[in-house]
Amino acid sequence: MAEAFSSLTKPTILVVEDEAPLLTLLRYNLEKQGFKVDEAADGQEALLRVSEARPDLVLLDWMLPALSGIEVCRQLRRRPNTRDLPIIMVTARTEDQDAVRALDTGADDYIAKPFVMEALLARIRALLRRSGSVAVKGTLTYRDLTMDQDAHRVSRGGRALHLGPTEYRLLEFFLQHPGRVFTREQLLDAVWGRDIHVEPRTVDVHIRRLRKAINGTNEVDLIRTVRSAGYALDAEDH
């Protein structure tokens, strides 16, 4: 099984972008891929955010109010604790010399607007992988069940499965901890998050949906219910 970051240790991406619609789009897609997102609307705020809590990667717009992305990158590279911080420069500037300038200033990668989101996500994962700062997504398996985290696809015995967003996150968490029993409260914290109020019985509803999605006719039920304890990805008792 390939390494993958769990929902409890998600890599943090600091998105530095002053265009609100693009910031919203980036946040949505990054969180959908399992990243935590912090944000800053200008260069000064970006430096403050990094000082308060060092992210795993900075997605840095070139054209920013007050302090340009180039200057932010330059200052981060001067600081001992951020000298090796992964930085991807995002800009509308498309000239070759602009890319050279960004890389010479210390950016690890450069992508021009408008960009394809899948391409940006691939660059983020590749840079995190090269930096070694976090474990990156890959393929999770249990018996004949396979989850391709990069492609966001799940299959069982070669048959494509269709899961809702919550069922996907629930299965992802189970696949990262096969055989371990989790209470409803632990699943709520790991999958829904501590800041979201959800009734524990909601877990039962999504477990039923997950079972229906992954267990076909005459197939072994891969989800084990442990009375008075919780649930586990464990088919040994079936």
Protein backbone atom coordinates (compact mmCIF):
# COMPACT_ATOMS: atom_id res chain seq x y z
CA MET A 1 0.00 0.00 0.00
CA ALA A 2 1.39 3.37 -1.00
CA GLU A 3 1.95 6.08 1.58
CA ALA A 4 -0.84 8.61 1.98
CA PHE A 5 -1.53 11.45 4.36
CA SER A 6 -4.44 10.77 6.68
CA SER A 7 -7.27 13.16 7.34
CA LEU A 8 -5.64 13.88 10.69
CA THR A 9 -2.33 14.99 9.18
CA LYS A 10 -3.30 16.83 6.01
CA PRO A 11 -0.61 18.93 4.33
CA THR A 12 -1.30 22.66 4.57
CA ILE A 13 -1.21 24.81 1.45
CA LEU A 14 -0.97 28.57 1.88
CA VAL A 15 -2.74 30.18 -1.10
CA VAL A 16 -1.64 33.78 -1.65
CA GLU A 17 -4.10 35.29 -4.12
CA ASP A 18 -5.94 38.63 -4.28
CA GLU A 19 -8.59 37.53 -6.81
CA ALA A 20 -11.47 36.29 -4.64
CA PRO A 21 -13.12 34.03 -7.26
CA LEU A 22 -9.83 32.28 -8.04
CA LEU A 23 -9.06 31.95 -4.33
CA THR A 24 -12.44 30.29 -3.78
CA LEU A 25 -11.85 27.93 -6.70
CA LEU A 26 -8.41 26.96 -5.47
CA ARG A 27 -9.64 26.38 -1.92
CA TYR A 28 -12.47 24.15 -3.16
CA ASN A 29 -10.22 21.99 -5.34
CA LEU A 30 -7.40 21.72 -2.82
CA GLU A 31 -9.73 20.75 0.01
CA LYS A 32 -11.43 18.24 -2.28
CA GLN A 33 -8.01 16.61 -2.77
CA GLY A 34 -7.46 16.36 0.99
CA PHE A 35 -5.31 19.43 1.65
CA LYS A 36 -5.82 21.94 4.42
CA VAL A 37 -5.92 25.49 3.05
CA ASP A 38 -4.77 28.74 4.59
CA GLU A 39 -5.06 31.96 2.62
CA ALA A 40 -3.66 35.46 2.29
CA ALA A 41 -4.80 38.29 0.04
CA ASP A 42 -1.52 40.22 -0.13
CA GLY A 43 2.21 39.81 0.35
CA GLN A 44 2.40 41.24 3.86
CA GLU A 45 -0.35 38.95 5.08
CA ALA A 46 1.41 36.00 3.46
CA LEU A 47 4.61 36.66 5.39
CA LEU A 48 2.59 36.98 8.59
CA ARG A 49 0.76 33.71 7.97
CA VAL A 50 4.01 31.85 7.36
CA SER A 51 5.49 33.32 10.55
CA GLU A 52 2.47 32.20 12.56
CA ALA A 53 2.32 28.66 11.17
CA ARG A 54 4.70 27.27 8.55
CA PRO A 55 2.71 25.63 5.74
CA ASP A 56 3.87 22.61 3.74
CA LEU A 57 3.72 24.54 0.47
CA VAL A 58 2.99 28.09 -0.72
CA LEU A 59 0.95 28.77 -3.85
CA LEU A 60 2.05 32.32 -4.54
CA ASP A 61 0.52 34.81 -6.97
CA TRP A 62 3.06 37.11 -8.64
CA MET A 63 0.92 40.26 -8.87
CA LEU A 64 -0.13 41.17 -5.32
CA PRO A 65 -1.06 44.44 -3.62
CA ALA A 66 1.62 46.21 -1.56
CA LEU A 67 4.24 43.47 -1.81
CA SER A 68 4.75 41.39 -4.95
CA GLY A 69 4.98 37.63 -4.99
CA ILE A 70 8.57 37.92 -6.16
CA GLU A 71 9.45 39.94 -3.06
CA VAL A 72 7.56 37.54 -0.80
CA CYS A 73 9.51 34.65 -2.31
CA ARG A 74 12.78 36.55 -1.87
CA GLN A 75 12.07 37.26 1.81
CA LEU A 76 11.03 33.69 2.53
CA ARG A 77 14.26 32.41 1.02
CA ARG A 78 16.26 34.74 3.30
CA ARG A 79 14.73 33.28 6.46
CA PRO A 80 16.45 30.17 7.85
CA ASN A 81 13.18 28.42 8.75
CA THR A 82 11.62 28.94 5.29
CA ARG A 83 14.72 28.62 3.12
CA ASP A 84 13.52 25.22 1.87
CA LEU A 85 9.77 25.91 1.94
CA PRO A 86 8.20 24.63 -1.32
CA ILE A 87 6.89 27.55 -3.40
CA ILE A 88 4.93 27.51 -6.66
CA MET A 89 4.58 30.87 -8.38
CA VAL A 90 1.24 31.50 -10.13
CA THR A 91 0.97 34.38 -12.57
CA ALA A 92 -0.68 35.78 -15.67
CA ARG A 93 2.78 36.64 -17.00
CA THR A 94 3.71 34.17 -19.73
CA GLU A 95 7.07 35.38 -21.04
CA ASP A 96 9.99 32.98 -20.69
CA GLN A 97 12.08 35.59 -18.88
CA ASP A 98 9.35 35.88 -16.24
CA ALA A 99 9.57 32.18 -15.52
CA VAL A 100 13.35 32.45 -15.30
CA ARG A 101 13.05 35.40 -12.91
CA ALA A 102 10.62 33.52 -10.67
CA LEU A 103 12.87 30.47 -10.52
CA ASP A 104 15.98 32.57 -9.97
CA THR A 105 14.29 34.32 -7.06
CA GLY A 106 13.80 30.96 -5.38
CA ALA A 107 10.45 29.57 -6.56
CA ASP A 108 10.50 25.79 -7.01
CA ASP A 109 7.98 25.81 -9.85
CA TYR A 110 6.01 28.24 -12.02
CA ILE A 111 2.59 27.98 -13.64
CA ALA A 112 0.88 30.57 -15.85
CA LYS A 113 -2.77 31.60 -15.75
CA PRO A 114 -5.12 30.36 -16.99
CA PHE A 115 -4.07 26.89 -15.91
CA VAL A 116 -5.68 23.46 -15.89
CA MET A 117 -6.51 22.58 -12.28
CA GLU A 118 -5.39 18.96 -12.69
CA ALA A 119 -1.99 20.17 -13.90
CA LEU A 120 -1.60 22.45 -10.88
CA LEU A 121 -2.60 19.66 -8.48
CA ALA A 122 -0.09 17.32 -10.12
CA ARG A 123 2.67 19.92 -9.67
CA ILE A 124 1.73 20.39 -6.02
CA ARG A 125 1.86 16.66 -5.34
CA ALA A 126 5.14 16.30 -7.24
CA LEU A 127 6.75 19.16 -5.30
CA LEU A 128 5.57 17.78 -1.96
CA ARG A 129 6.93 14.40 -2.97
CA ARG A 130 10.32 15.86 -3.92
CA SER A 131 10.54 17.97 -0.79
CA GLY A 132 9.84 14.97 1.42
CA SER A 133 7.94 17.23 3.82
CA VAL A 134 4.80 15.09 3.75
CA ALA A 135 3.65 11.74 2.48
CA VAL A 136 1.67 12.15 -0.71
CA LYS A 137 -1.35 10.39 -2.06
CA GLY A 138 -1.18 7.14 -3.94
CA THR A 139 -3.16 3.91 -4.09
CA LEU A 140 -4.87 2.31 -1.09
CA THR A 141 -6.00 -1.30 -1.18
CA TYR A 142 -7.78 -3.86 0.99
CA ARG A 143 -8.48 -7.30 -0.42
CA ASP A 144 -10.05 -6.67 -3.86
CA LEU A 145 -10.94 -3.03 -3.04
CA THR A 146 -8.74 -0.31 -4.55
CA MET A 147 -8.76 3.48 -4.14
CA ASP A 148 -6.71 5.62 -6.53
CA GLN A 149 -6.41 8.86 -4.57
CA ASP A 150 -4.80 10.79 -7.41
CA ALA A 151 -7.61 9.96 -9.84
CA HIS A 152 -10.25 9.99 -7.07
CA ARG A 153 -11.54 6.58 -8.22
CA VAL A 154 -12.59 3.46 -6.34
CA SER A 155 -12.99 -0.06 -7.71
CA ARG A 156 -13.63 -3.55 -6.40
CA GLY A 157 -12.54 -6.56 -8.37
CA GLY A 158 -12.00 -4.27 -11.35
CA ARG A 159 -15.57 -2.92 -11.12
CA ALA A 160 -15.83 0.87 -10.84
CA LEU A 161 -17.67 2.05 -7.72
CA HIS A 162 -19.52 5.34 -7.37
CA LEU A 163 -19.32 6.96 -3.94
CA GLY A 164 -20.64 10.23 -2.59
CA PRO A 165 -18.09 12.70 -1.13
CA THR A 166 -18.68 11.66 2.50
CA GLU A 167 -18.62 7.94 1.70
CA TYR A 168 -15.37 8.47 -0.20
CA ARG A 169 -13.72 10.19 2.79
CA LEU A 170 -15.06 7.52 5.14
CA LEU A 171 -13.70 4.71 2.99
CA GLU A 172 -10.37 6.54 2.59
CA PHE A 173 -10.03 6.73 6.36
CA PHE A 174 -10.88 3.04 6.77
CA LEU A 175 -8.38 2.08 4.05
CA GLN A 176 -5.67 3.98 5.89
CA HIS A 177 -6.42 1.97 9.06
CA PRO A 178 -7.61 -1.51 7.97
CA GLY A 179 -8.73 -3.83 10.75
CA ARG A 180 -8.93 -1.10 13.38
CA VAL A 181 -12.25 -0.44 15.09
CA PHE A 182 -13.37 3.20 15.33
CA THR A 183 -16.20 4.61 17.42
CA ARG A 184 -18.78 6.90 15.85
CA GLU A 185 -17.18 9.85 17.65
CA GLN A 186 -13.72 9.01 16.28
CA LEU A 187 -15.12 8.74 12.76
CA LEU A 188 -16.91 12.07 13.14
CA ASP A 189 -13.67 13.78 14.21
CA ALA A 190 -11.61 12.18 11.44
CA VAL A 191 -14.04 12.43 8.52
CA TRP A 192 -16.34 15.35 9.31
CA GLY A 193 -13.95 17.38 11.51
CA ARG A 194 -14.16 18.66 15.06
CA ASP A 195 -15.63 22.01 14.03
CA ILE A 196 -18.73 20.54 12.39
CA HIS A 197 -21.66 19.48 14.56
CA VAL A 198 -23.06 16.20 13.32
CA GLU A 199 -25.10 13.67 15.29
CA PRO A 200 -23.25 10.38 15.92
CA ARG A 201 -26.13 8.43 14.33
CA THR A 202 -25.32 10.19 11.06
CA VAL A 203 -22.32 7.86 10.86
CA ASP A 204 -24.69 4.88 10.71
CA VAL A 205 -26.47 6.38 7.69
CA HIS A 206 -23.23 6.86 5.77
CA ILE A 207 -21.96 3.41 6.75
CA ARG A 208 -25.12 1.91 5.21
CA ARG A 209 -24.56 3.95 2.05
CA LEU A 210 -20.91 2.88 1.93
CA ARG A 211 -21.84 -0.77 2.33
CA LYS A 212 -24.39 -0.50 -0.47
CA ALA A 213 -21.79 1.15 -2.75
CA ILE A 214 -18.89 -1.26 -2.21
CA ASN A 215 -20.63 -4.61 -1.63
CA GLY A 216 -22.08 -6.22 -4.73
CA THR A 217 -24.29 -9.28 -4.98
CA ASN A 218 -22.66 -12.34 -3.37
CA GLU A 219 -19.62 -10.29 -2.32
CA VAL A 220 -18.24 -10.36 1.20
CA ASP A 221 -19.24 -7.37 3.34
CA LEU A 222 -15.97 -5.52 3.98
CA ILE A 223 -17.35 -3.34 6.79
CA ARG A 224 -17.58 -5.01 10.19
CA THR A 225 -19.96 -3.70 12.83
CA VAL A 226 -18.68 -4.15 16.38
CA ARG A 227 -21.57 -4.02 18.84
CA SER A 228 -21.25 -1.17 21.36
CA ALA A 229 -17.90 -0.20 19.83
CA GLY A 230 -18.12 1.00 16.24
CA TYR A 231 -17.00 0.00 12.76
CA ALA A 232 -13.94 -1.39 11.01
CA LEU A 233 -12.76 -2.25 7.51
CA ASP A 234 -12.40 -5.91 8.35
CA ALA A 235 -13.91 -8.90 6.57
CA GLU A 236 -12.25 -11.60 8.66
CA ASP A 237 -15.41 -12.49 10.61
CA HIS A 238 -17.65 -12.84 7.55
